[in-house]
């Protein structure tokens, strides 16, 4: 950990909020790219850690060119590059300090070792074996800093027959079982419409880092945090594993339906769709009275028991038609106003409706960050709500190597001559 004065000086370098977060003083060296990894270190940064993003000076994180792109206000038609700001990159790299180092160069590797000596955590998401080939693997770095928590996020993990395979999010969705379960009923498997493998691995990586930090505080020793995207996706398949291991059932795409809970899916209404989950006996009775009026519940005694409503034939021939009749002539807003406080019923909202949602606003889940020269960028906030040490969510993402010289001076006590020498050698 770094002391309070140094923490504040480093935060000032990035123009970040200097208020103490839960992880204040923790230093994270981030050598990740794209999302699986950058999201993990971003969560740590939101929680107050000092995160130093290390990029190759000539080959920085290529999501810097990913859309959407904000153009400079005085050059809206300029080319993609440092005069364009990637909203994609900014969203996953806020609150970080930017440093460049060529890890293939001996002096660049030495620079990373010096950073690790002052750090608590290193996060990387290279294919297993890459850091070892650079001479910067866990077994080596732990000799420099025994307290180091080394988080390695990869497609298939550091062990097993697939460990060396290249992988993307879709690789994890495919091999973790999620792809085979998703899609319209009776249709082909369909990927989940977001990079859920990357995101899940990042979040599990964050959990692993926090657990390992607690262990390091107690024992003085760090450890390897080994996170696989395939493993992470597998844990998102709900009851699929236990259904197969106990009954031999292989899940297939069900569209918006649940494997056995009914009603529990999206239903059409006058201007779109709503999710309705009134499957318990309590919620079913309330729903009958709300939507069907007096006598609706007693008119269908064959539907009073939850087990009967779960029966697929009963559901398709009696329950679904009844619910569809209830909703057909009402709008999403009307249905939410009528029933949203009483039963699980929610409008199916597009992202524009979500960004404008009053609950999202009340929870500070869309935050605005000022980028001088580019204007304001609105991104998602933090779902972690802490009343004593709230996450900081409006810090900027760094331009490539923006803080290299300052971090070397402040954290590693480099003088200007040494920094100039590294720059001349192409190390930074």
Protein backbone atom coordinates (compact mmCIF):
# COMPACT_ATOMS: atom_id res chain seq x y z
CA UNK A 1 0.00 0.00 0.00
CA UNK A 2 1.07 3.57 -0.60
CA UNK A 3 0.78 6.30 1.99
CA UNK A 4 -1.99 8.88 1.99
CA UNK A 5 0.09 11.76 0.63
CA UNK A 6 1.28 9.73 -2.36
CA UNK A 7 -2.22 8.41 -2.99
CA UNK A 8 -3.58 11.95 -3.18
CA UNK A 9 -0.74 13.13 -5.44
CA UNK A 10 -1.38 10.26 -7.85
CA UNK A 11 -5.13 10.94 -7.82
CA UNK A 12 -4.42 14.59 -8.57
CA UNK A 13 -2.38 13.52 -11.61
CA UNK A 14 -5.48 12.03 -13.18
CA UNK A 15 -7.83 14.73 -11.97
CA UNK A 16 -9.70 12.15 -9.88
CA UNK A 17 -11.74 12.58 -6.73
CA UNK A 18 -9.26 12.31 -3.86
CA UNK A 19 -11.83 11.22 -1.27
CA UNK A 20 -10.87 7.97 0.42
CA UNK A 21 -12.53 4.92 -1.08
CA UNK A 22 -12.72 1.44 0.41
CA UNK A 23 -9.54 0.46 -1.45
CA UNK A 24 -7.67 3.72 -0.85
CA UNK A 25 -3.92 3.08 -0.84
CA UNK A 26 -4.15 -0.17 -2.83
CA UNK A 27 -2.03 0.01 -6.01
CA UNK A 28 -3.10 -2.04 -9.04
CA UNK A 29 -0.89 -2.55 -12.09
CA UNK A 30 -3.22 -3.16 -15.03
CA UNK A 31 -1.72 -4.82 -18.13
CA UNK A 32 -5.06 -5.78 -19.63
CA UNK A 33 -6.83 -4.99 -22.88
CA UNK A 34 -10.37 -4.90 -24.31
CA UNK A 35 -12.95 -5.77 -21.57
CA UNK A 36 -12.10 -8.96 -19.65
CA UNK A 37 -9.54 -7.38 -17.35
CA UNK A 38 -10.07 -3.65 -17.90
CA UNK A 39 -13.55 -3.97 -16.35
CA UNK A 40 -12.08 -5.79 -13.33
CA UNK A 41 -9.46 -3.10 -12.72
CA UNK A 42 -12.06 -0.38 -13.35
CA UNK A 43 -14.25 -1.73 -10.55
CA UNK A 44 -11.20 -1.66 -8.26
CA UNK A 45 -10.50 1.92 -9.37
CA UNK A 46 -14.12 2.92 -8.70
CA UNK A 47 -13.69 1.54 -5.18
CA UNK A 48 -10.69 3.77 -4.55
CA UNK A 49 -7.65 1.79 -5.72
CA UNK A 50 -4.86 3.57 -7.59
CA UNK A 51 -4.88 1.78 -10.95
CA UNK A 52 -1.97 2.19 -13.36
CA UNK A 53 -2.88 1.05 -16.88
CA UNK A 54 0.27 -0.08 -18.71
CA UNK A 55 0.12 -0.13 -22.52
CA UNK A 56 2.67 -0.72 -25.25
CA UNK A 57 3.74 2.73 -26.53
CA UNK A 58 3.18 1.72 -30.18
CA UNK A 59 0.39 -0.85 -29.71
CA UNK A 60 -1.99 0.49 -27.06
CA UNK A 61 -5.30 -1.09 -26.13
CA UNK A 62 -7.05 -1.34 -29.49
CA UNK A 63 -10.43 -0.53 -27.98
CA UNK A 64 -9.22 3.07 -28.11
CA UNK A 65 -10.55 2.97 -31.68
CA UNK A 66 -13.84 1.18 -30.90
CA UNK A 67 -17.14 3.03 -31.45
CA UNK A 68 -18.88 5.11 -30.35
CA UNK A 69 -16.33 7.85 -30.95
CA UNK A 70 -16.43 11.41 -29.67
CA UNK A 71 -14.70 13.88 -31.96
CA UNK A 72 -12.78 16.90 -30.80
CA UNK A 73 -15.16 19.83 -30.56
CA UNK A 74 -12.99 21.93 -32.86
CA UNK A 75 -12.32 19.09 -35.33
CA UNK A 76 -15.47 16.95 -35.60
CA UNK A 77 -14.32 15.25 -38.82
CA UNK A 78 -10.79 14.41 -37.67
CA UNK A 79 -9.37 10.88 -38.00
CA UNK A 80 -9.60 8.17 -35.38
CA UNK A 81 -6.76 8.48 -32.90
CA UNK A 82 -5.89 10.63 -29.93
CA UNK A 83 -8.09 13.36 -31.42
CA UNK A 84 -11.02 10.95 -31.13
CA UNK A 85 -12.27 9.58 -27.82
CA UNK A 86 -13.72 6.08 -27.74
CA UNK A 87 -16.71 5.91 -25.46
CA UNK A 88 -16.19 2.14 -25.35
CA UNK A 89 -12.62 2.52 -24.06
CA UNK A 90 -13.53 5.34 -21.68
CA UNK A 91 -16.33 3.35 -20.07
CA UNK A 92 -14.00 0.52 -19.00
CA UNK A 93 -10.92 2.57 -18.14
CA UNK A 94 -12.15 5.45 -16.03
CA UNK A 95 -10.22 6.47 -12.92
CA UNK A 96 -6.96 4.99 -14.24
CA UNK A 97 -3.52 6.49 -14.75
CA UNK A 98 -1.99 5.84 -18.17
CA UNK A 99 1.59 4.60 -18.48
CA UNK A 100 3.39 3.20 -21.52
CA UNK A 101 6.08 0.51 -21.40
CA UNK A 102 7.35 -1.93 -24.01
CA UNK A 103 7.39 -5.15 -22.01
CA UNK A 104 9.33 -6.92 -24.78
CA UNK A 105 12.26 -4.55 -24.13
CA UNK A 106 14.49 -5.48 -21.15
CA UNK A 107 14.21 -2.00 -19.68
CA UNK A 108 10.43 -2.10 -20.14
CA UNK A 109 10.23 -5.41 -18.29
CA UNK A 110 12.46 -3.94 -15.58
CA UNK A 111 10.10 -0.98 -15.33
CA UNK A 112 7.13 -3.30 -14.79
CA UNK A 113 9.07 -5.13 -12.09
CA UNK A 114 9.65 -1.82 -10.32
CA UNK A 115 5.96 -1.00 -10.48
CA UNK A 116 5.09 -4.46 -9.15
CA UNK A 117 7.47 -3.93 -6.24
CA UNK A 118 5.30 -0.96 -5.17
CA UNK A 119 1.98 -2.58 -6.05
CA UNK A 120 -0.56 -4.77 -4.26
CA UNK A 121 -2.24 -6.25 -7.34
CA UNK A 122 -1.40 -7.03 -10.95
CA UNK A 123 -4.19 -7.84 -13.42
CA UNK A 124 -3.46 -9.36 -16.84
CA UNK A 125 -5.58 -11.05 -19.49
CA UNK A 126 -3.03 -12.48 -21.90
CA UNK A 127 -3.20 -16.05 -23.12
CA UNK A 128 -1.63 -18.32 -20.49
CA UNK A 129 2.15 -18.47 -20.89
CA UNK A 130 2.53 -15.01 -22.45
CA UNK A 131 3.70 -13.28 -19.28
CA UNK A 132 6.08 -16.17 -18.57
CA UNK A 133 7.66 -15.77 -22.01
CA UNK A 134 8.19 -12.08 -21.21
CA UNK A 135 9.88 -13.10 -17.98
CA UNK A 136 7.04 -11.50 -16.02
CA UNK A 137 4.95 -14.46 -14.90
CA UNK A 138 3.56 -14.94 -11.42
CA UNK A 139 6.33 -17.20 -10.15
CA UNK A 140 8.91 -14.55 -11.01
CA UNK A 141 6.98 -11.50 -9.85
CA UNK A 142 6.15 -13.07 -6.49
CA UNK A 143 9.90 -13.18 -5.76
CA UNK A 144 9.97 -9.41 -6.21
CA UNK A 145 6.85 -8.82 -4.12
CA UNK A 146 5.64 -11.76 -1.99
CA UNK A 147 2.46 -9.83 -1.12
CA UNK A 148 1.48 -9.49 -4.78
CA UNK A 149 -2.03 -10.58 -5.74
CA UNK A 150 -1.66 -11.69 -9.36
CA UNK A 151 -4.99 -11.91 -11.21
CA UNK A 152 -4.87 -13.75 -14.53
CA UNK A 153 -8.06 -13.69 -16.63
CA UNK A 154 -8.14 -15.90 -19.71
CA UNK A 155 -10.48 -17.88 -21.92
CA UNK A 156 -9.93 -21.27 -20.32
CA UNK A 157 -7.77 -20.65 -17.26
CA UNK A 158 -4.16 -21.42 -16.37
CA UNK A 159 -4.65 -25.20 -16.23
CA UNK A 160 -6.34 -27.89 -18.29
CA UNK A 161 -6.11 -29.12 -21.90
CA UNK A 162 -7.59 -25.89 -23.37
CA UNK A 163 -5.35 -23.47 -21.45
CA UNK A 164 -3.35 -22.41 -24.52
CA UNK A 165 -6.28 -21.83 -26.85
CA UNK A 166 -7.10 -18.32 -28.03
CA UNK A 167 -10.55 -17.24 -26.92
CA UNK A 168 -13.09 -14.47 -27.11
CA UNK A 169 -16.34 -13.92 -25.25
CA UNK A 170 -18.18 -16.06 -27.79
CA UNK A 171 -15.72 -18.89 -27.12
CA UNK A 172 -16.79 -18.88 -23.49
CA UNK A 173 -20.48 -18.64 -24.33
CA UNK A 174 -20.10 -21.58 -26.71
CA UNK A 175 -18.03 -23.86 -24.46
CA UNK A 176 -19.65 -22.84 -21.18
CA UNK A 177 -23.10 -24.00 -22.30
CA UNK A 178 -24.90 -20.67 -22.38
CA UNK A 179 -25.10 -20.39 -26.16
CA UNK A 180 -26.83 -23.78 -26.46
CA UNK A 181 -29.59 -22.69 -24.07
CA UNK A 182 -30.34 -19.26 -25.51
CA UNK A 183 -32.54 -18.30 -28.45
CA UNK A 184 -36.15 -18.66 -29.61
CA UNK A 185 -38.01 -21.83 -28.68
CA UNK A 186 -37.46 -24.42 -31.37
CA UNK A 187 -34.82 -22.25 -33.02
CA UNK A 188 -31.04 -22.45 -33.28
CA UNK A 189 -28.73 -21.60 -30.36
CA UNK A 190 -28.15 -17.86 -30.03
CA UNK A 191 -25.42 -15.94 -28.23
CA UNK A 192 -26.48 -13.75 -25.35
CA UNK A 193 -26.68 -10.24 -26.77
CA UNK A 194 -23.78 -8.85 -24.76
CA UNK A 195 -20.23 -9.92 -23.93
CA UNK A 196 -21.37 -11.82 -20.87
CA UNK A 197 -18.26 -14.05 -20.78
CA UNK A 198 -15.94 -11.05 -20.59
CA UNK A 199 -18.10 -9.26 -18.05
CA UNK A 200 -18.61 -12.29 -15.80
CA UNK A 201 -14.88 -13.08 -15.79
CA UNK A 202 -14.09 -9.49 -14.84
CA UNK A 203 -16.55 -9.53 -11.96
CA UNK A 204 -15.31 -12.89 -10.68
CA UNK A 205 -11.79 -11.49 -11.03
CA UNK A 206 -12.75 -8.58 -8.81
CA UNK A 207 -14.17 -10.94 -6.18
CA UNK A 208 -11.01 -13.04 -6.32
CA UNK A 209 -8.76 -10.01 -5.95
CA UNK A 210 -10.69 -8.73 -2.93
CA UNK A 211 -10.51 -12.16 -1.26
CA UNK A 212 -6.79 -12.46 -1.99
CA UNK A 213 -6.12 -8.96 -0.63
CA UNK A 214 -7.78 -9.92 2.63
CA UNK A 215 -5.58 -13.03 2.79
CA UNK A 216 -2.47 -10.95 2.03
CA UNK A 217 -3.34 -8.53 4.81
CA UNK A 218 -3.69 -11.44 7.23
CA UNK A 219 -0.62 -13.45 6.19
CA UNK A 220 1.72 -11.12 4.31
CA UNK A 221 1.51 -13.29 1.20
CA UNK A 222 -0.32 -12.81 -2.08
CA UNK A 223 -1.53 -15.53 -4.43
CA UNK A 224 -2.55 -16.31 -7.99
CA UNK A 225 -6.16 -15.52 -8.87
CA UNK A 226 -6.93 -17.74 -11.88
CA UNK A 227 -10.16 -16.78 -13.69
CA UNK A 228 -11.53 -18.56 -16.76
CA UNK A 229 -14.21 -17.11 -19.00
CA UNK A 230 -15.53 -20.61 -19.67
CA UNK A 231 -15.78 -21.29 -15.93
CA UNK A 232 -17.51 -17.97 -15.39
CA UNK A 233 -20.13 -18.61 -18.07
CA UNK A 234 -20.85 -22.09 -16.74
CA UNK A 235 -21.92 -20.60 -13.40
CA UNK A 236 -24.49 -18.45 -15.23
CA UNK A 237 -26.45 -21.41 -16.59
CA UNK A 238 -28.84 -21.49 -13.58
CA UNK A 239 -30.07 -25.06 -12.98
CA UNK A 240 -28.64 -26.59 -16.17
CA UNK A 241 -25.80 -28.51 -14.53
CA UNK A 242 -27.87 -30.01 -11.73
CA UNK A 243 -30.74 -30.79 -14.13
CA UNK A 244 -28.34 -32.76 -16.29
CA UNK A 245 -26.45 -34.51 -13.50
CA UNK A 246 -29.61 -35.59 -11.68
CA UNK A 247 -32.11 -36.17 -14.51
CA UNK A 248 -30.05 -36.25 -17.70
CA UNK A 249 -31.94 -33.23 -19.04
CA UNK A 250 -30.10 -31.19 -21.67
CA UNK A 251 -31.53 -27.64 -21.79
CA UNK A 252 -32.57 -26.26 -25.18
CA UNK A 253 -33.47 -22.72 -26.24
CA UNK A 254 -36.79 -21.65 -24.70
CA UNK A 255 -37.05 -18.08 -25.92
CA UNK A 256 -38.35 -15.90 -23.10
CA UNK A 257 -39.82 -18.80 -21.15
CA UNK A 258 -38.48 -20.35 -17.96
CA UNK A 259 -37.81 -24.12 -17.93
CA UNK A 260 -40.62 -24.80 -15.43
CA UNK A 261 -41.81 -21.63 -13.65
CA UNK A 262 -45.02 -20.27 -15.27
CA UNK A 263 -46.13 -17.57 -15.92
CA UNK A 264 -42.65 -16.07 -16.00
CA UNK A 265 -41.84 -14.48 -19.36
CA UNK A 266 -42.48 -11.55 -21.69
CA UNK A 267 -46.04 -10.89 -22.83
CA UNK A 268 -47.21 -8.54 -25.58
CA UNK A 269 -49.20 -5.46 -24.72
CA UNK A 270 -50.53 -2.52 -26.73
CA UNK A 271 -47.18 -0.76 -27.28
CA UNK A 272 -44.57 -3.44 -26.70
CA UNK A 273 -43.86 -6.12 -24.12
CA UNK A 274 -43.82 -6.53 -20.37
CA UNK A 275 -42.22 -9.12 -18.16
CA UNK A 276 -44.79 -10.75 -15.89
CA UNK A 277 -43.80 -13.20 -13.17
CA UNK A 278 -46.99 -13.81 -11.23
CA UNK A 279 -46.35 -17.51 -10.71
CA UNK A 280 -46.78 -17.91 -6.95
CA UNK A 281 -50.24 -18.53 -5.52
CA UNK A 282 -50.20 -15.12 -3.82
CA UNK A 283 -49.22 -13.20 -6.94
CA UNK A 284 -51.58 -15.20 -9.14
CA UNK A 285 -54.59 -14.34 -6.99
CA UNK A 286 -53.63 -10.64 -6.89
CA UNK A 287 -53.15 -10.63 -10.66
CA UNK A 288 -56.53 -12.19 -11.34
CA UNK A 289 -58.25 -9.53 -9.26
CA UNK A 290 -56.17 -6.65 -10.69
CA UNK A 291 -56.42 -7.49 -14.36
CA UNK A 292 -59.56 -9.58 -14.64
CA UNK A 293 -61.71 -7.90 -12.05
CA UNK A 294 -63.96 -9.40 -9.34
CA UNK A 295 -64.74 -13.05 -9.92
CA UNK A 296 -61.80 -13.75 -12.24
CA UNK A 297 -59.93 -15.81 -9.68
CA UNK A 298 -62.93 -17.90 -8.60
CA UNK A 299 -63.88 -18.44 -12.24
CA UNK A 300 -60.75 -20.56 -12.77
CA UNK A 301 -60.42 -22.96 -9.81
CA UNK A 302 -58.38 -25.31 -11.98
CA UNK A 303 -55.59 -22.70 -11.94
CA UNK A 304 -55.47 -22.04 -8.19
CA UNK A 305 -52.56 -24.39 -7.46
CA UNK A 306 -49.08 -23.31 -8.54
CA UNK A 307 -48.23 -26.86 -9.61
CA UNK A 308 -51.16 -26.88 -12.01
CA UNK A 309 -50.08 -23.59 -13.57
CA UNK A 310 -46.59 -25.05 -14.06
CA UNK A 311 -48.02 -27.87 -16.19
CA UNK A 312 -47.04 -27.06 -19.76
CA UNK A 313 -50.34 -28.05 -21.36
CA UNK A 314 -52.41 -26.19 -18.76
CA UNK A 315 -50.17 -23.17 -19.17
CA UNK A 316 -50.40 -23.07 -22.96
CA UNK A 317 -54.16 -23.66 -23.14
CA UNK A 318 -55.39 -21.74 -20.11
CA UNK A 319 -52.87 -19.54 -18.34
CA UNK A 320 -51.13 -17.89 -21.29
CA UNK A 321 -54.37 -16.96 -23.14
CA UNK A 322 -55.75 -15.46 -19.94
CA UNK A 323 -52.65 -13.31 -19.33
CA UNK A 324 -52.49 -12.22 -22.98
CA UNK A 325 -56.15 -11.10 -22.78
CA UNK A 326 -55.38 -9.11 -19.61
CA UNK A 327 -52.53 -7.18 -21.27
CA UNK A 328 -53.63 -6.79 -24.90
CA UNK A 329 -55.37 -3.40 -24.63
CA UNK A 330 -53.08 -1.79 -22.06
CA UNK A 331 -49.79 0.02 -22.60
CA UNK A 332 -46.55 -0.73 -20.78
CA UNK A 333 -46.97 2.39 -18.68
CA UNK A 334 -50.58 1.56 -17.82
CA UNK A 335 -49.67 -1.96 -16.76
CA UNK A 336 -46.77 -0.77 -14.60
CA UNK A 337 -48.93 1.92 -13.00
CA UNK A 338 -51.68 -0.59 -12.27
CA UNK A 339 -49.63 -3.53 -11.03
CA UNK A 340 -45.94 -2.67 -10.75
CA UNK A 341 -46.08 -2.12 -6.98
CA UNK A 342 -48.10 -5.28 -6.33
CA UNK A 343 -46.80 -8.07 -8.56
CA UNK A 344 -43.58 -8.68 -10.53
CA UNK A 345 -44.44 -6.79 -13.71
CA UNK A 346 -41.97 -4.61 -15.58
CA UNK A 347 -41.93 -2.95 -18.96
CA UNK A 348 -39.40 -4.42 -21.40
CA UNK A 349 -37.39 -1.27 -22.08
CA UNK A 350 -34.94 -0.42 -24.82
CA UNK A 351 -31.70 1.25 -23.78
CA UNK A 352 -33.06 4.73 -24.47
CA UNK A 353 -35.93 4.07 -22.07
CA UNK A 354 -33.48 2.65 -19.52
CA UNK A 355 -31.23 5.72 -19.62
CA UNK A 356 -34.32 7.90 -19.03
CA UNK A 357 -35.71 5.64 -16.30
CA UNK A 358 -36.35 7.50 -13.01
CA UNK A 359 -35.13 4.53 -10.95
CA UNK A 360 -31.85 4.51 -12.87
CA UNK A 361 -31.52 8.24 -12.22
CA UNK A 362 -32.31 7.82 -8.52
CA UNK A 363 -29.56 5.19 -8.26
CA UNK A 364 -26.97 7.31 -10.14
CA UNK A 365 -26.56 4.56 -12.71
CA UNK A 366 -25.88 6.91 -15.62
CA UNK A 367 -22.98 9.22 -14.81
CA UNK A 368 -21.46 12.09 -16.74
CA UNK A 369 -17.76 12.73 -17.15
CA UNK A 370 -16.29 15.89 -18.67
CA UNK A 371 -13.57 15.34 -21.26
CA UNK A 372 -11.97 18.70 -22.08
CA UNK A 373 -12.07 19.27 -25.80
CA UNK A 374 -14.62 16.51 -26.37
CA UNK A 375 -17.54 17.52 -24.18
CA UNK A 376 -19.42 15.26 -21.80
CA UNK A 377 -19.57 11.48 -21.93
CA UNK A 378 -22.38 9.58 -20.21
CA UNK A 379 -21.66 5.99 -19.16
CA UNK A 380 -23.02 3.47 -16.68
CA UNK A 381 -22.35 4.09 -13.00
CA UNK A 382 -21.55 1.59 -10.26
CA UNK A 383 -24.12 -0.89 -8.92
CA UNK A 384 -22.08 -1.15 -5.70
CA UNK A 385 -23.62 1.27 -3.22
CA UNK A 386 -21.53 1.95 -0.10
CA UNK A 387 -22.80 4.60 2.31
CA UNK A 388 -19.45 5.37 3.99
CA UNK A 389 -17.10 5.04 1.01
CA UNK A 390 -19.18 5.43 -2.16
CA UNK A 391 -17.54 4.46 -5.45
CA UNK A 392 -16.15 7.23 -7.62
CA UNK A 393 -17.61 6.91 -11.10
CA UNK A 394 -16.96 10.13 -13.00
CA UNK A 395 -13.18 9.94 -13.40
CA UNK A 396 -11.71 10.16 -16.88
CA UNK A 397 -9.94 7.42 -18.81
CA UNK A 398 -6.32 8.32 -19.64
CA UNK A 399 -4.95 9.11 -23.07
CA UNK A 400 -2.13 6.77 -24.08
CA UNK A 401 0.78 7.20 -21.67
CA UNK A 402 -0.65 10.42 -20.27
CA UNK A 403 0.87 9.89 -16.82
CA UNK A 404 4.02 7.94 -17.65
CA UNK A 405 6.57 10.55 -16.60
CA UNK A 406 4.59 11.68 -13.56
CA UNK A 407 4.09 8.12 -12.26
CA UNK A 408 7.79 7.35 -12.72
CA UNK A 409 8.67 10.48 -10.78
CA UNK A 410 6.11 10.13 -8.00
CA UNK A 411 5.99 6.37 -7.48
CA UNK A 412 9.46 5.21 -8.56
CA UNK A 413 11.57 8.33 -7.86
CA UNK A 414 12.90 8.62 -11.42
CA UNK A 415 14.60 11.87 -12.36
CA UNK A 416 14.12 13.61 -15.69
CA UNK A 417 17.36 12.28 -17.15
CA UNK A 418 16.32 8.67 -16.49
CA UNK A 419 12.88 9.29 -17.99
CA UNK A 420 14.42 10.88 -21.09
CA UNK A 421 16.71 7.88 -21.47
CA UNK A 422 13.78 5.45 -21.41
CA UNK A 423 11.90 7.60 -23.90
CA UNK A 424 14.90 7.77 -26.27
CA UNK A 425 15.27 3.97 -26.14
CA UNK A 426 11.61 3.46 -27.09
CA UNK A 427 10.89 1.81 -23.75
CA UNK A 428 8.09 4.23 -22.86
